Amino acid sequence: MYDNIFPLFNKYRDRFSGLNAVNVEKTGNTYFSLEYDFKKKAGALPAEIT
């Protein structure tokens, strides 16, 4: 699944207004690890999907 996620996301990224990635740890802590707004071009994308 991981190998397919970035190619699929790039193929359909024009259908998204933004991207939020949430990291949930085994300890129960949850935090945003990535936020990006495609309209404002604000945030930081990992190199794999830029």
N, C-alpha and C. Protein backbone atom coordinates (compact mmCIF):
# COMPACT_ATOMS: atom_id res chain seq x y z
N MET A 1 0.83 -1.19 0.00
CA MET A 1 0.00 0.00 0.00
C MET A 1 0.87 1.25 0.00
N TYR A 2 1.92 1.27 0.84
CA TYR A 2 2.77 2.45 0.94
C TYR A 2 3.40 2.81 -0.41
N ASP A 3 3.81 1.80 -1.19
CA ASP A 3 4.43 2.05 -2.49
C ASP A 3 3.46 2.70 -3.47
N ASN A 4 2.17 2.50 -3.29
CA ASN A 4 1.17 3.04 -4.20
C ASN A 4 0.60 4.39 -3.77
N ILE A 5 0.74 4.75 -2.51
CA ILE A 5 0.05 5.94 -2.01
C ILE A 5 0.54 7.24 -2.66
N PHE A 6 1.84 7.42 -2.81
CA PHE A 6 2.34 8.67 -3.39
C PHE A 6 2.04 8.79 -4.88
N PRO A 7 2.22 7.73 -5.68
CA PRO A 7 1.81 7.86 -7.09
C PRO A 7 0.32 8.15 -7.25
N LEU A 8 -0.52 7.51 -6.45
CA LEU A 8 -1.96 7.77 -6.54
C LEU A 8 -2.29 9.19 -6.08
N PHE A 9 -1.66 9.63 -5.01
CA PHE A 9 -1.89 10.98 -4.53
C PHE A 9 -1.48 12.00 -5.59
N ASN A 10 -0.31 11.84 -6.18
CA ASN A 10 0.15 12.77 -7.22
C ASN A 10 -0.79 12.77 -8.42
N LYS A 11 -1.33 11.62 -8.77
CA LYS A 11 -2.24 11.52 -9.91
C LYS A 11 -3.51 12.33 -9.69
N TYR A 12 -4.01 12.36 -8.44
CA TYR A 12 -5.29 13.00 -8.14
C TYR A 12 -5.15 14.21 -7.22
N ARG A 13 -3.96 14.77 -7.06
CA ARG A 13 -3.76 15.86 -6.10
C ARG A 13 -4.56 17.11 -6.44
N ASP A 14 -4.97 17.29 -7.69
CA ASP A 14 -5.78 18.46 -8.04
C ASP A 14 -7.19 18.38 -7.44
N ARG A 15 -7.57 17.23 -6.95
CA ARG A 15 -8.90 17.06 -6.32
C ARG A 15 -8.88 17.37 -4.82
N PHE A 16 -7.71 17.65 -4.28
CA PHE A 16 -7.56 17.92 -2.85
C PHE A 16 -7.33 19.40 -2.63
N SER A 17 -7.85 19.92 -1.54
CA SER A 17 -7.59 21.31 -1.17
C SER A 17 -6.42 21.41 -0.20
N GLY A 18 -6.12 20.31 0.47
CA GLY A 18 -5.02 20.30 1.41
C GLY A 18 -4.71 18.90 1.88
N LEU A 19 -3.70 18.81 2.70
CA LEU A 19 -3.26 17.51 3.20
C LEU A 19 -2.89 17.65 4.66
N ASN A 20 -3.42 16.78 5.49
CA ASN A 20 -3.07 16.71 6.91
C ASN A 20 -2.67 15.27 7.20
N ALA A 21 -1.50 15.10 7.79
CA ALA A 21 -1.05 13.78 8.20
C ALA A 21 -1.00 13.77 9.72
N VAL A 22 -1.58 12.74 10.30
CA VAL A 22 -1.65 12.62 11.75
C VAL A 22 -0.83 11.40 12.18
N ASN A 23 0.00 11.60 13.18
CA ASN A 23 0.80 10.52 13.74
C ASN A 23 0.18 10.11 15.07
N VAL A 24 -0.18 8.85 15.17
CA VAL A 24 -0.75 8.32 16.42
C VAL A 24 0.26 7.32 16.97
N GLU A 25 0.77 7.61 18.14
CA GLU A 25 1.77 6.75 18.76
C GLU A 25 1.12 5.67 19.61
N LYS A 26 1.85 4.63 19.88
CA LYS A 26 1.35 3.54 20.73
C LYS A 26 1.00 4.04 22.12
N THR A 27 1.64 5.11 22.55
CA THR A 27 1.38 5.67 23.88
C THR A 27 0.03 6.38 23.95
N GLY A 28 -0.57 6.62 22.78
CA GLY A 28 -1.85 7.32 22.75
C GLY A 28 -1.72 8.78 22.37
N ASN A 29 -0.48 9.28 22.29
CA ASN A 29 -0.27 10.66 21.87
C ASN A 29 -0.57 10.81 20.38
N THR A 30 -1.25 11.87 20.02
CA THR A 30 -1.61 12.13 18.63
C THR A 30 -1.18 13.55 18.28
N TYR A 31 -0.54 13.71 17.13
CA TYR A 31 -0.16 15.05 16.69
C TYR A 31 -0.09 15.11 15.17
N PHE A 32 -0.27 16.33 14.65
CA PHE A 32 -0.13 16.55 13.22
C PHE A 32 1.35 16.50 12.87
N SER A 33 1.71 15.65 11.92
CA SER A 33 3.11 15.58 11.52
C SER A 33 3.33 16.32 10.20
N LEU A 34 2.25 16.69 9.52
CA LEU A 34 2.36 17.41 8.26
C LEU A 34 1.04 18.11 7.97
N GLU A 35 1.11 19.36 7.57
CA GLU A 35 -0.07 20.10 7.12
C GLU A 35 0.32 20.89 5.88
N TYR A 36 -0.53 20.87 4.86
CA TYR A 36 -0.23 21.62 3.64
C TYR A 36 -1.54 22.09 3.02
N ASP A 37 -1.60 23.34 2.62
CA ASP A 37 -2.76 23.92 1.94
C ASP A 37 -2.38 24.16 0.49
N PHE A 38 -2.99 23.42 -0.43
CA PHE A 38 -2.64 23.53 -1.85
C PHE A 38 -3.04 24.87 -2.45
N LYS A 39 -4.13 25.44 -1.97
CA LYS A 39 -4.59 26.73 -2.51
C LYS A 39 -3.63 27.86 -2.14
N LYS A 40 -3.20 27.88 -0.88
CA LYS A 40 -2.29 28.93 -0.42
C LYS A 40 -0.82 28.56 -0.62
N LYS A 41 -0.58 27.30 -0.99
CA LYS A 41 0.77 26.77 -1.13
C LYS A 41 1.57 27.03 0.13
N ALA A 42 0.97 26.68 1.26
CA ALA A 42 1.59 26.91 2.56
C ALA A 42 1.79 25.58 3.27
N GLY A 43 2.93 25.42 3.87
CA GLY A 43 3.26 24.19 4.58
C GLY A 43 4.48 23.56 3.96
N ALA A 44 4.73 22.34 4.29
CA ALA A 44 5.88 21.63 3.75
C ALA A 44 5.47 20.21 3.36
N LEU A 45 5.77 19.85 2.14
CA LEU A 45 5.49 18.50 1.67
C LEU A 45 6.77 17.67 1.70
N PRO A 46 6.67 16.39 2.00
CA PRO A 46 7.84 15.53 1.90
C PRO A 46 8.32 15.45 0.45
N ALA A 47 9.58 15.18 0.25
CA ALA A 47 10.17 15.15 -1.09
C ALA A 47 9.47 14.14 -2.00
N GLU A 48 8.92 13.08 -1.45
CA GLU A 48 8.30 12.03 -2.27
C GLU A 48 7.07 12.52 -3.03
N ILE A 49 6.41 13.58 -2.55
CA ILE A 49 5.17 13.99 -3.22
C ILE A 49 5.24 15.42 -3.77
N THR A 50 6.41 16.02 -3.81
CA THR A 50 6.51 17.37 -4.38
C THR A 50 6.78 17.27 -5.85
